Amino acid sequence: MTRSELINLLADERPGLYRNDIEDAVSVIFDQISSSLASGNRVEIRGFGIFTTKKHLAHTGRNPRTGAAVDVPEKVLPVYKTGKLLRDKLNASA
């Protein structure tokens, strides 16, 4: 599902709300999650999941085409772990 599909779905489910207000709310939520992760905090949405970050240390890798050594810089990547309720819902049909 894309951001615009989410906004359209919410607008269809809540006809009393203006589309611009829904777009603003979705933007605020995503911006707040991004800001919290950038600050080094974790974001927990009960029943849905936890967003955290993981630090990958700098290392020397290999170019798969040439085999030449390549320095890979240190980086921080987002990590998502599903919540129990979401996992149970996904596995209920199995």
PDB file of N, CA and C in Angstrom:
ATOM      1  N   MET A   1       0.847  -1.170   0.000  1.00  0.00           N
ATOM      2  CA  MET A   1       0.000   0.000   0.000  1.00  0.00           C
ATOM      3  C   MET A   1       0.896   1.238   0.000  1.00  0.00           C
ATOM      4  N   THR A   2       0.598   2.157  -0.861  1.00  0.00           N
ATOM      5  CA  THR A   2       1.350   3.407  -0.930  1.00  0.00           C
ATOM      6  C   THR A   2       0.720   4.451  -0.015  1.00  0.00           C
ATOM      7  N   ARG A   3       1.440   5.535   0.184  1.00  0.00           N
ATOM      8  CA  ARG A   3       0.944   6.619   1.027  1.00  0.00           C
ATOM      9  C   ARG A   3      -0.392   7.160   0.497  1.00  0.00           C
ATOM     10  N   SER A   4      -0.477   7.372  -0.812  1.00  0.00           N
ATOM     11  CA  SER A   4      -1.717   7.903  -1.394  1.00  0.00           C
ATOM     12  C   SER A   4      -2.857   6.894  -1.287  1.00  0.00           C
ATOM     13  N   GLU A   5      -2.559   5.601  -1.401  1.00  0.00           N
ATOM     14  CA  GLU A   5      -3.598   4.580  -1.226  1.00  0.00           C
ATOM     15  C   GLU A   5      -4.109   4.578   0.212  1.00  0.00           C
ATOM     16  N   LEU A   6      -3.206   4.768   1.173  1.00  0.00           N
ATOM     17  CA  LEU A   6      -3.610   4.843   2.576  1.00  0.00           C
ATOM     18  C   LEU A   6      -4.526   6.044   2.801  1.00  0.00           C
ATOM     19  N   ILE A   7      -4.157   7.178   2.242  1.00  0.00           N
ATOM     20  CA  ILE A   7      -4.967   8.390   2.388  1.00  0.00           C
ATOM     21  C   ILE A   7      -6.334   8.192   1.752  1.00  0.00           C
ATOM     22  N   ASN A   8      -6.373   7.589   0.561  1.00  0.00           N
ATOM     23  CA  ASN A   8      -7.653   7.334  -0.097  1.00  0.00           C
ATOM     24  C   ASN A   8      -8.522   6.385   0.713  1.00  0.00           C
ATOM     25  N   LEU A   9      -7.917   5.341   1.275  1.00  0.00           N
ATOM     26  CA  LEU A   9      -8.661   4.381   2.089  1.00  0.00           C
ATOM     27  C   LEU A   9      -9.254   5.055   3.321  1.00  0.00           C
ATOM     28  N   LEU A  10      -8.449   5.871   3.992  1.00  0.00           N
ATOM     29  CA  LEU A  10      -8.945   6.588   5.167  1.00  0.00           C
ATOM     30  C   LEU A  10     -10.043   7.578   4.796  1.00  0.00           C
ATOM     31  N   ALA A  11      -9.895   8.238   3.660  1.00  0.00           N
ATOM     32  CA  ALA A  11     -10.920   9.192   3.212  1.00  0.00           C
ATOM     33  C   ALA A  11     -12.225   8.471   2.897  1.00  0.00           C
ATOM     34  N   ASP A  12     -12.140   7.274   2.326  1.00  0.00           N
ATOM     35  CA  ASP A  12     -13.348   6.500   2.020  1.00  0.00           C
ATOM     36  C   ASP A  12     -14.033   6.006   3.291  1.00  0.00           C
ATOM     37  N   GLU A  13     -13.223   5.614   4.292  1.00  0.00           N
ATOM     38  CA  GLU A  13     -13.781   5.099   5.548  1.00  0.00           C
ATOM     39  C   GLU A  13     -14.323   6.202   6.441  1.00  0.00           C
ATOM     40  N   ARG A  14     -13.817   7.402   6.298  1.00  0.00           N
ATOM     41  CA  ARG A  14     -14.231   8.538   7.125  1.00  0.00           C
ATOM     42  C   ARG A  14     -14.713   9.683   6.235  1.00  0.00           C
ATOM     43  N   PRO A  15     -15.916   9.571   5.665  1.00  0.00           N
ATOM     44  CA  PRO A  15     -16.387  10.620   4.740  1.00  0.00           C
ATOM     45  C   PRO A  15     -16.586  11.981   5.407  1.00  0.00           C
ATOM     46  N   GLY A  16     -16.663  12.030   6.738  1.00  0.00           N
ATOM     47  CA  GLY A  16     -16.847  13.297   7.439  1.00  0.00           C
ATOM     48  C   GLY A  16     -15.568  14.110   7.562  1.00  0.00           C
ATOM     49  N   LEU A  17     -14.446  13.519   7.227  1.00  0.00           N
ATOM     50  CA  LEU A  17     -13.168  14.225   7.327  1.00  0.00           C
ATOM     51  C   LEU A  17     -12.728  14.738   5.962  1.00  0.00           C
ATOM     52  N   TYR A  18     -12.094  15.890   5.965  1.00  0.00           N
ATOM     53  CA  TYR A  18     -11.561  16.438   4.728  1.00  0.00           C
ATOM     54  C   TYR A  18     -10.296  15.686   4.324  1.00  0.00           C
ATOM     55  N   ARG A  19     -10.119  15.507   3.033  1.00  0.00           N
ATOM     56  CA  ARG A  19      -8.953  14.793   2.521  1.00  0.00           C
ATOM     57  C   ARG A  19      -7.646  15.491   2.935  1.00  0.00           C
ATOM     58  N   ASN A  20      -7.640  16.814   2.922  1.00  0.00           N
ATOM     59  CA  ASN A  20      -6.436  17.565   3.321  1.00  0.00           C
ATOM     60  C   ASN A  20      -6.080  17.300   4.778  1.00  0.00           C
ATOM     61  N   ASP A  21      -7.104  17.177   5.636  1.00  0.00           N
ATOM     62  CA  ASP A  21      -6.846  16.889   7.044  1.00  0.00           C
ATOM     63  C   ASP A  21      -6.251  15.490   7.209  1.00  0.00           C
ATOM     64  N   ILE A  22      -6.739  14.543   6.429  1.00  0.00           N
ATOM     65  CA  ILE A  22      -6.211  13.183   6.483  1.00  0.00           C
ATOM     66  C   ILE A  22      -4.771  13.164   5.995  1.00  0.00           C
ATOM     67  N   GLU A  23      -4.476  13.869   4.905  1.00  0.00           N
ATOM     68  CA  GLU A  23      -3.104  13.951   4.392  1.00  0.00           C
ATOM     69  C   GLU A  23      -2.176  14.553   5.441  1.00  0.00           C
ATOM     70  N   ASP A  24      -2.636  15.603   6.121  1.00  0.00           N
ATOM     71  CA  ASP A  24      -1.830  16.238   7.161  1.00  0.00           C
ATOM     72  C   ASP A  24      -1.570  15.273   8.319  1.00  0.00           C
ATOM     73  N   ALA A  25      -2.598  14.544   8.728  1.00  0.00           N
ATOM     74  CA  ALA A  25      -2.445  13.606   9.844  1.00  0.00           C
ATOM     75  C   ALA A  25      -1.449  12.498   9.500  1.00  0.00           C
ATOM     76  N   VAL A  26      -1.557  11.947   8.297  1.00  0.00           N
ATOM     77  CA  VAL A  26      -0.635  10.894   7.868  1.00  0.00           C
ATOM     78  C   VAL A  26       0.787  11.444   7.796  1.00  0.00           C
ATOM     79  N   SER A  27       0.945  12.644   7.279  1.00  0.00           N
ATOM     80  CA  SER A  27       2.269  13.272   7.196  1.00  0.00           C
ATOM     81  C   SER A  27       2.866  13.500   8.578  1.00  0.00           C
ATOM     82  N   VAL A  28       2.060  13.963   9.520  1.00  0.00           N
ATOM     83  CA  VAL A  28       2.544  14.208  10.876  1.00  0.00           C
ATOM     84  C   VAL A  28       3.004  12.899  11.515  1.00  0.00           C
ATOM     85  N   ILE A  29       2.232  11.833  11.338  1.00  0.00           N
ATOM     86  CA  ILE A  29       2.605  10.539  11.925  1.00  0.00           C
ATOM     87  C   ILE A  29       3.922  10.054  11.344  1.00  0.00           C
ATOM     88  N   PHE A  30       4.054  10.062  10.018  1.00  0.00           N
ATOM     89  CA  PHE A  30       5.287   9.587   9.387  1.00  0.00           C
ATOM     90  C   PHE A  30       6.477  10.480   9.747  1.00  0.00           C
ATOM     91  N   ASP A  31       6.257  11.794   9.776  1.00  0.00           N
ATOM     92  CA  ASP A  31       7.331  12.717  10.137  1.00  0.00           C
ATOM     93  C   ASP A  31       7.787  12.501  11.576  1.00  0.00           C
ATOM     94  N   GLN A  32       6.836  12.245  12.465  1.00  0.00           N
ATOM     95  CA  GLN A  32       7.180  12.038  13.873  1.00  0.00           C
ATOM     96  C   GLN A  32       7.958  10.737  14.057  1.00  0.00           C
ATOM     97  N   ILE A  33       7.552   9.685  13.354  1.00  0.00           N
ATOM     98  CA  ILE A  33       8.296   8.423  13.410  1.00  0.00           C
ATOM     99  C   ILE A  33       9.714   8.640  12.892  1.00  0.00           C
ATOM    100  N   SER A  34       9.849   9.321  11.757  1.00  0.00           N
ATOM    101  CA  SER A  34      11.170   9.591  11.174  1.00  0.00           C
ATOM    102  C   SER A  34      12.035  10.424  12.109  1.00  0.00           C
ATOM    103  N   SER A  35      11.464  11.457  12.702  1.00  0.00           N
ATOM    104  CA  SER A  35      12.216  12.322  13.609  1.00  0.00           C
ATOM    105  C   SER A  35      12.681  11.564  14.851  1.00  0.00           C
ATOM    106  N   SER A  36      11.817  10.735  15.380  1.00  0.00           N
ATOM    107  CA  SER A  36      12.178   9.956  16.567  1.00  0.00           C
ATOM    108  C   SER A  36      13.310   8.991  16.259  1.00  0.00           C
ATOM    109  N   LEU A  37      13.240   8.318  15.114  1.00  0.00           N
ATOM    110  CA  LEU A  37      14.305   7.394  14.738  1.00  0.00           C
ATOM    111  C   LEU A  37      15.607   8.135  14.490  1.00  0.00           C
ATOM    112  N   ALA A  38      15.525   9.302  13.861  1.00  0.00           N
ATOM    113  CA  ALA A  38      16.727  10.091  13.598  1.00  0.00           C
ATOM    114  C   ALA A  38      17.377  10.570  14.895  1.00  0.00           C
ATOM    115  N   SER A  39      16.577  10.741  15.941  1.00  0.00           N
ATOM    116  CA  SER A  39      17.095  11.157  17.243  1.00  0.00           C
ATOM    117  C   SER A  39      17.636   9.980  18.045  1.00  0.00           C
ATOM    118  N   GLY A  40      17.494   8.780  17.519  1.00  0.00           N
ATOM    119  CA  GLY A  40      17.997   7.602  18.214  1.00  0.00           C
ATOM    120  C   GLY A  40      16.976   6.944  19.118  1.00  0.00           C
ATOM    121  N   ASN A  41      15.732   7.405  19.073  1.00  0.00           N
ATOM    122  CA  ASN A  41      14.676   6.820  19.897  1.00  0.00           C
ATOM    123  C   ASN A  41      13.974   5.692  19.150  1.00  0.00           C
ATOM    124  N   ARG A  42      13.301   4.845  19.895  1.00  0.00           N
ATOM    125  CA  ARG A  42      12.499   3.799  19.260  1.00  0.00           C
ATOM    126  C   ARG A  42      11.045   4.228  19.301  1.00  0.00           C
ATOM    127  N   VAL A  43      10.265   3.718  18.346  1.00  0.00           N
ATOM    128  CA  VAL A  43       8.849   4.040  18.263  1.00  0.00           C
ATOM    129  C   VAL A  43       8.080   2.737  18.391  1.00  0.00           C
ATOM    130  N   GLU A  44       7.211   2.675  19.400  1.00  0.00           N
ATOM    131  CA  GLU A  44       6.421   1.467  19.625  1.00  0.00           C
ATOM    132  C   GLU A  44       4.953   1.791  19.433  1.00  0.00           C
ATOM    133  N   ILE A  45       4.318   1.078  18.520  1.00  0.00           N
ATOM    134  CA  ILE A  45       2.882   1.195  18.309  1.00  0.00           C
ATOM    135  C   ILE A  45       2.300  -0.135  18.760  1.00  0.00           C
ATOM    136  N   ARG A  46       1.683  -0.140  19.932  1.00  0.00           N
ATOM    137  CA  ARG A  46       1.201  -1.378  20.535  1.00  0.00           C
ATOM    138  C   ARG A  46       0.295  -2.140  19.583  1.00  0.00           C
ATOM    139  N   GLY A  47       0.563  -3.426  19.461  1.00  0.00           N
ATOM    140  CA  GLY A  47      -0.231  -4.293  18.595  1.00  0.00           C
ATOM    141  C   GLY A  47       0.218  -4.273  17.147  1.00  0.00           C
ATOM    142  N   PHE A  48       0.966  -3.257  16.750  1.00  0.00           N
ATOM    143  CA  PHE A  48       1.411  -3.148  15.364  1.00  0.00           C
ATOM    144  C   PHE A  48       2.887  -3.504  15.219  1.00  0.00           C
ATOM    145  N   GLY A  49       3.737  -2.825  15.995  1.00  0.00           N
ATOM    146  CA  GLY A  49       5.155  -3.142  15.907  1.00  0.00           C
ATOM    147  C   GLY A  49       6.038  -2.078  16.506  1.00  0.00           C
ATOM    148  N   ILE A  50       7.341  -2.339  16.389  1.00  0.00           N
ATOM    149  CA  ILE A  50       8.353  -1.446  16.948  1.00  0.00           C
ATOM    150  C   ILE A  50       9.327  -1.046  15.842  1.00  0.00           C
ATOM    151  N   PHE A  51       9.570   0.254  15.744  1.00  0.00           N
ATOM    152  CA  PHE A  51      10.571   0.787  14.822  1.00  0.00           C
ATOM    153  C   PHE A  51      11.790   1.168  15.647  1.00  0.00           C
ATOM    154  N   THR A  52      12.944   0.665  15.255  1.00  0.00           N
ATOM    155  CA  THR A  52      14.196   1.020  15.908  1.00  0.00           C
ATOM    156  C   THR A  52      15.250   1.243  14.829  1.00  0.00           C
ATOM    157  N   THR A  53      16.459   1.528  15.265  1.00  0.00           N
ATOM    158  CA  THR A  53      17.559   1.664  14.314  1.00  0.00           C
ATOM    159  C   THR A  53      18.652   0.680  14.686  1.00  0.00           C
ATOM    160  N   LYS A  54      19.443   0.312  13.705  1.00  0.00           N
ATOM    161  CA  LYS A  54      20.568  -0.591  13.926  1.00  0.00           C
ATOM    162  C   LYS A  54      21.784   0.009  13.240  1.00  0.00           C
ATOM    163  N   LYS A  55      22.891   0.046  13.980  1.00  0.00           N
ATOM    164  CA  LYS A  55      24.126   0.608  13.446  1.00  0.00           C
ATOM    165  C   LYS A  55      24.949  -0.499  12.787  1.00  0.00           C
ATOM    166  N   HIS A  56      25.315  -0.272  11.552  1.00  0.00           N
ATOM    167  CA  HIS A  56      26.191  -1.187  10.826  1.00  0.00           C
ATOM    168  C   HIS A  56      27.573  -0.541  10.758  1.00  0.00           C
ATOM    169  N   LEU A  57      28.557  -1.224  11.304  1.00  0.00           N
ATOM    170  CA  LEU A  57      29.913  -0.677  11.355  1.00  0.00           C
ATOM    171  C   LEU A  57      30.549  -0.640   9.969  1.00  0.00           C
ATOM    172  N   ALA A  58      31.501   0.240   9.828  1.00  0.00           N
ATOM    173  CA  ALA A  58      32.255   0.328   8.570  1.00  0.00           C
ATOM    174  C   ALA A  58      33.037  -0.964   8.371  1.00  0.00           C
ATOM    175  N   HIS A  59      33.141  -1.386   7.126  1.00  0.00           N
ATOM    176  CA  HIS A  59      33.894  -2.607   6.825  1.00  0.00           C
ATOM    177  C   HIS A  59      34.367  -2.559   5.375  1.00  0.00           C
ATOM    178  N   THR A  60      35.189  -3.516   5.024  1.00  0.00           N
ATOM    179  CA  THR A  60      35.658  -3.626   3.650  1.00  0.00           C
ATOM    180  C   THR A  60      34.849  -4.712   2.958  1.00  0.00           C
ATOM    181  N   GLY A  61      34.203  -4.334   1.868  1.00  0.00           N
ATOM    182  CA  GLY A  61      33.414  -5.285   1.094  1.00  0.00           C
ATOM    183  C   GLY A  61      34.085  -5.576  -0.232  1.00  0.00           C
ATOM    184  N   ARG A  62      33.405  -6.325  -1.045  1.00  0.00           N
ATOM    185  CA  ARG A  62      33.931  -6.672  -2.368  1.00  0.00           C
ATOM    186  C   ARG A  62      32.923  -6.290  -3.437  1.00  0.00           C
ATOM    187  N   ASN A  63      33.438  -5.739  -4.531  1.00  0.00           N
ATOM    188  CA  ASN A  63      32.610  -5.486  -5.702  1.00  0.00           C
ATOM    189  C   ASN A  63      32.366  -6.851  -6.350  1.00  0.00           C
ATOM    190  N   PRO A  64      31.108  -7.301  -6.460  1.00  0.00           N
ATOM    191  CA  PRO A  64      30.854  -8.638  -6.984  1.00  0.00           C
ATOM    192  C   PRO A  64      31.259  -8.806  -8.450  1.00  0.00           C
ATOM    193  N   ARG A  65      31.281  -7.724  -9.189  1.00  0.00           N
ATOM    194  CA  ARG A  65      31.634  -7.818 -10.603  1.00  0.00           C
ATOM    195  C   ARG A  65      33.140  -7.938 -10.822  1.00  0.00           C
ATOM    196  N   THR A  66      33.897  -7.099 -10.086  1.00  0.00           N
ATOM    197  CA  THR A  66      35.343  -7.072 -10.309  1.00  0.00           C
ATOM    198  C   THR A  66      36.136  -7.772  -9.217  1.00  0.00           C
ATOM    199  N   GLY A  67      35.540  -7.955  -8.055  1.00  0.00           N
ATOM    200  CA  GLY A  67      36.255  -8.553  -6.940  1.00  0.00           C
ATOM    201  C   GLY A  67      37.137  -7.564  -6.204  1.00  0.00           C
ATOM    202  N   ALA A  68      37.127  -6.302  -6.610  1.00  0.00           N
ATOM    203  CA  ALA A  68      37.950  -5.281  -5.968  1.00  0.00           C
ATOM    204  C   ALA A  68      37.411  -4.952  -4.577  1.00  0.00           C
ATOM    205  N   ALA A  69      38.315  -4.633  -3.652  1.00  0.00           N
ATOM    206  CA  ALA A  69      37.922  -4.247  -2.300  1.00  0.00           C
ATOM    207  C   ALA A  69      37.264  -2.868  -2.327  1.00  0.00           C
ATOM    208  N   VAL A  70      36.192  -2.725  -1.567  1.00  0.00           N
ATOM    209  CA  VAL A  70      35.458  -1.463  -1.494  1.00  0.00           C
ATOM    210  C   VAL A  70      35.222  -1.155  -0.016  1.00  0.00           C
ATOM    211  N   ASP A  71      35.551   0.081   0.397  1.00  0.00           N
ATOM    212  CA  ASP A  71      35.280   0.492   1.767  1.00  0.00           C
ATOM    213  C   ASP A  71      33.804   0.864   1.886  1.00  0.00           C
ATOM    214  N   VAL A  72      33.112   0.209   2.799  1.00  0.00           N
ATOM    215  CA  VAL A  72      31.702   0.495   3.052  1.00  0.00           C
ATOM    216  C   VAL A  72      31.643   1.309   4.346  1.00  0.00           C
ATOM    217  N   PRO A  73      31.089   2.531   4.279  1.00  0.00           N
ATOM    218  CA  PRO A  73      31.072   3.387   5.469  1.00  0.00           C
ATOM    219  C   PRO A  73      30.066   2.896   6.515  1.00  0.00           C
ATOM    220  N   GLU A  74      30.246   3.380   7.732  1.00  0.00           N
ATOM    221  CA  GLU A  74      29.298   3.088   8.803  1.00  0.00           C
ATOM    222  C   GLU A  74      27.953   3.705   8.443  1.00  0.00           C
ATOM    223  N   LYS A  75      26.874   3.010   8.778  1.00  0.00           N
ATOM    224  CA  LYS A  75      25.551   3.556   8.494  1.00  0.00           C
ATOM    225  C   LYS A  75      24.555   3.069   9.522  1.00  0.00           C
ATOM    226  N   VAL A  76      23.474   3.807   9.655  1.00  0.00           N
ATOM    227  CA  VAL A  76      22.387   3.466  10.557  1.00  0.00           C
ATOM    228  C   VAL A  76      21.166   3.190   9.700  1.00  0.00           C
ATOM    229  N   LEU A  77      20.535   2.033   9.916  1.00  0.00           N
ATOM    230  CA  LEU A  77      19.382   1.635   9.123  1.00  0.00           C
ATOM    231  C   LEU A  77      18.170   1.414  10.021  1.00  0.00           C
ATOM    232  N   PRO A  78      16.965   1.707   9.507  1.00  0.00           N
ATOM    233  CA  PRO A  78      15.765   1.452  10.296  1.00  0.00           C
ATOM    234  C   PRO A  78      15.458  -0.047  10.338  1.00  0.00           C
ATOM    235  N   VAL A  79      14.894  -0.476  11.458  1.00  0.00           N
ATOM    236  CA  VAL A  79      14.516  -1.872  11.647  1.00  0.00           C
ATOM    237  C   VAL A  79      13.081  -1.891  12.157  1.00  0.00           C
ATOM    238  N   TYR A  80      12.289  -2.829  11.662  1.00  0.00           N
ATOM    239  CA  TYR A  80      10.901  -2.966  12.099  1.00  0.00           C
ATOM    240  C   TYR A  80      10.678  -4.374  12.615  1.00  0.00           C
ATOM    241  N   LYS A  81      10.047  -4.484  13.769  1.00  0.00           N
ATOM    242  CA  LYS A  81       9.696  -5.776  14.338  1.00  0.00           C
ATOM    243  C   LYS A  81       8.194  -5.778  14.588  1.00  0.00           C
ATOM    244  N   THR A  82       7.510  -6.785  14.061  1.00  0.00           N
ATOM    245  CA  THR A  82       6.055  -6.833  14.191  1.00  0.00           C
ATOM    246  C   THR A  82       5.640  -7.060  15.637  1.00  0.00           C
ATOM    247  N   GLY A  83       4.482  -6.509  15.955  1.00  0.00           N
ATOM    248  CA  GLY A  83       3.899  -6.721  17.275  1.00  0.00           C
ATOM    249  C   GLY A  83       3.153  -8.047  17.318  1.00  0.00           C
ATOM    250  N   LYS A  84       2.872  -8.512  18.519  1.00  0.00           N
ATOM    251  CA  LYS A  84       2.234  -9.814  18.695  1.00  0.00           C
ATOM    252  C   LYS A  84       0.852  -9.859  18.049  1.00  0.00           C
ATOM    253  N   LEU A  85       0.043  -8.820  18.221  1.00  0.00           N
ATOM    254  CA  LEU A  85      -1.303  -8.822  17.643  1.00  0.00           C
ATOM    255  C   LEU A  85      -1.265  -8.900  16.123  1.00  0.00           C
ATOM    256  N   LEU A  86      -0.344  -8.177  15.505  1.00  0.00           N
ATOM    257  CA  LEU A  86      -0.216  -8.219  14.048  1.00  0.00           C
ATOM    258  C   LEU A  86       0.262  -9.585  13.589  1.00  0.00           C
ATOM    259  N   ARG A  87       1.248 -10.147  14.290  1.00  0.00           N
ATOM    260  CA  ARG A  87       1.739 -11.489  13.946  1.00  0.00           C
ATOM    261  C   ARG A  87       0.624 -12.514  14.050  1.00  0.00           C
ATOM    262  N   ASP A  88      -0.165 -12.427  15.126  1.00  0.00           N
ATOM    263  CA  ASP A  88      -1.272 -13.369  15.307  1.00  0.00           C
ATOM    264  C   ASP A  88      -2.317 -13.229  14.209  1.00  0.00           C
ATOM    265  N   LYS A  89      -2.597 -11.979  13.819  1.00  0.00           N
ATOM    266  CA  LYS A  89      -3.577 -11.737  12.763  1.00  0.00           C
ATOM    267  C   LYS A  89      -3.081 -12.281  11.421  1.00  0.00           C
ATOM    268  N   LEU A  90      -1.790 -12.116  11.139  1.00  0.00           N
ATOM    269  CA  LEU A  90      -1.226 -12.605   9.886  1.00  0.00           C
ATOM    270  C   LEU A  90      -1.208 -14.123   9.837  1.00  0.00           C
ATOM    271  N   ASN A  91      -1.004 -14.762  10.973  1.00  0.00           N
ATOM    272  CA  ASN A  91      -0.892 -16.214  11.010  1.00  0.00           C
ATOM    273  C   ASN A  91      -2.202 -16.926  11.328  1.00  0.00           C
ATOM    274  N   ALA A  92      -3.271 -16.190  11.564  1.00  0.00           N
ATOM    275  CA  ALA A  92      -4.566 -16.794  11.876  1.00  0.00           C
ATOM    276  C   ALA A  92      -5.149 -17.539  10.687  1.00  0.00           C
ATOM    277  N   SER A  93      -4.875 -17.063   9.477  1.00  0.00           N
ATOM    278  CA  SER A  93      -5.440 -17.692   8.279  1.00  0.00           C
ATOM    279  C   SER A  93      -4.628 -18.897   7.822  1.00  0.00           C
ATOM    280  N   ALA A  94      -3.436 -19.065   8.378  1.00  0.00           N
ATOM    281  CA  ALA A  94      -2.567 -20.167   7.949  1.00  0.00           C
ATOM    282  C   ALA A  94      -2.962 -21.490   8.557  1.00  0.00           C
TER     283      ALA A  94
END
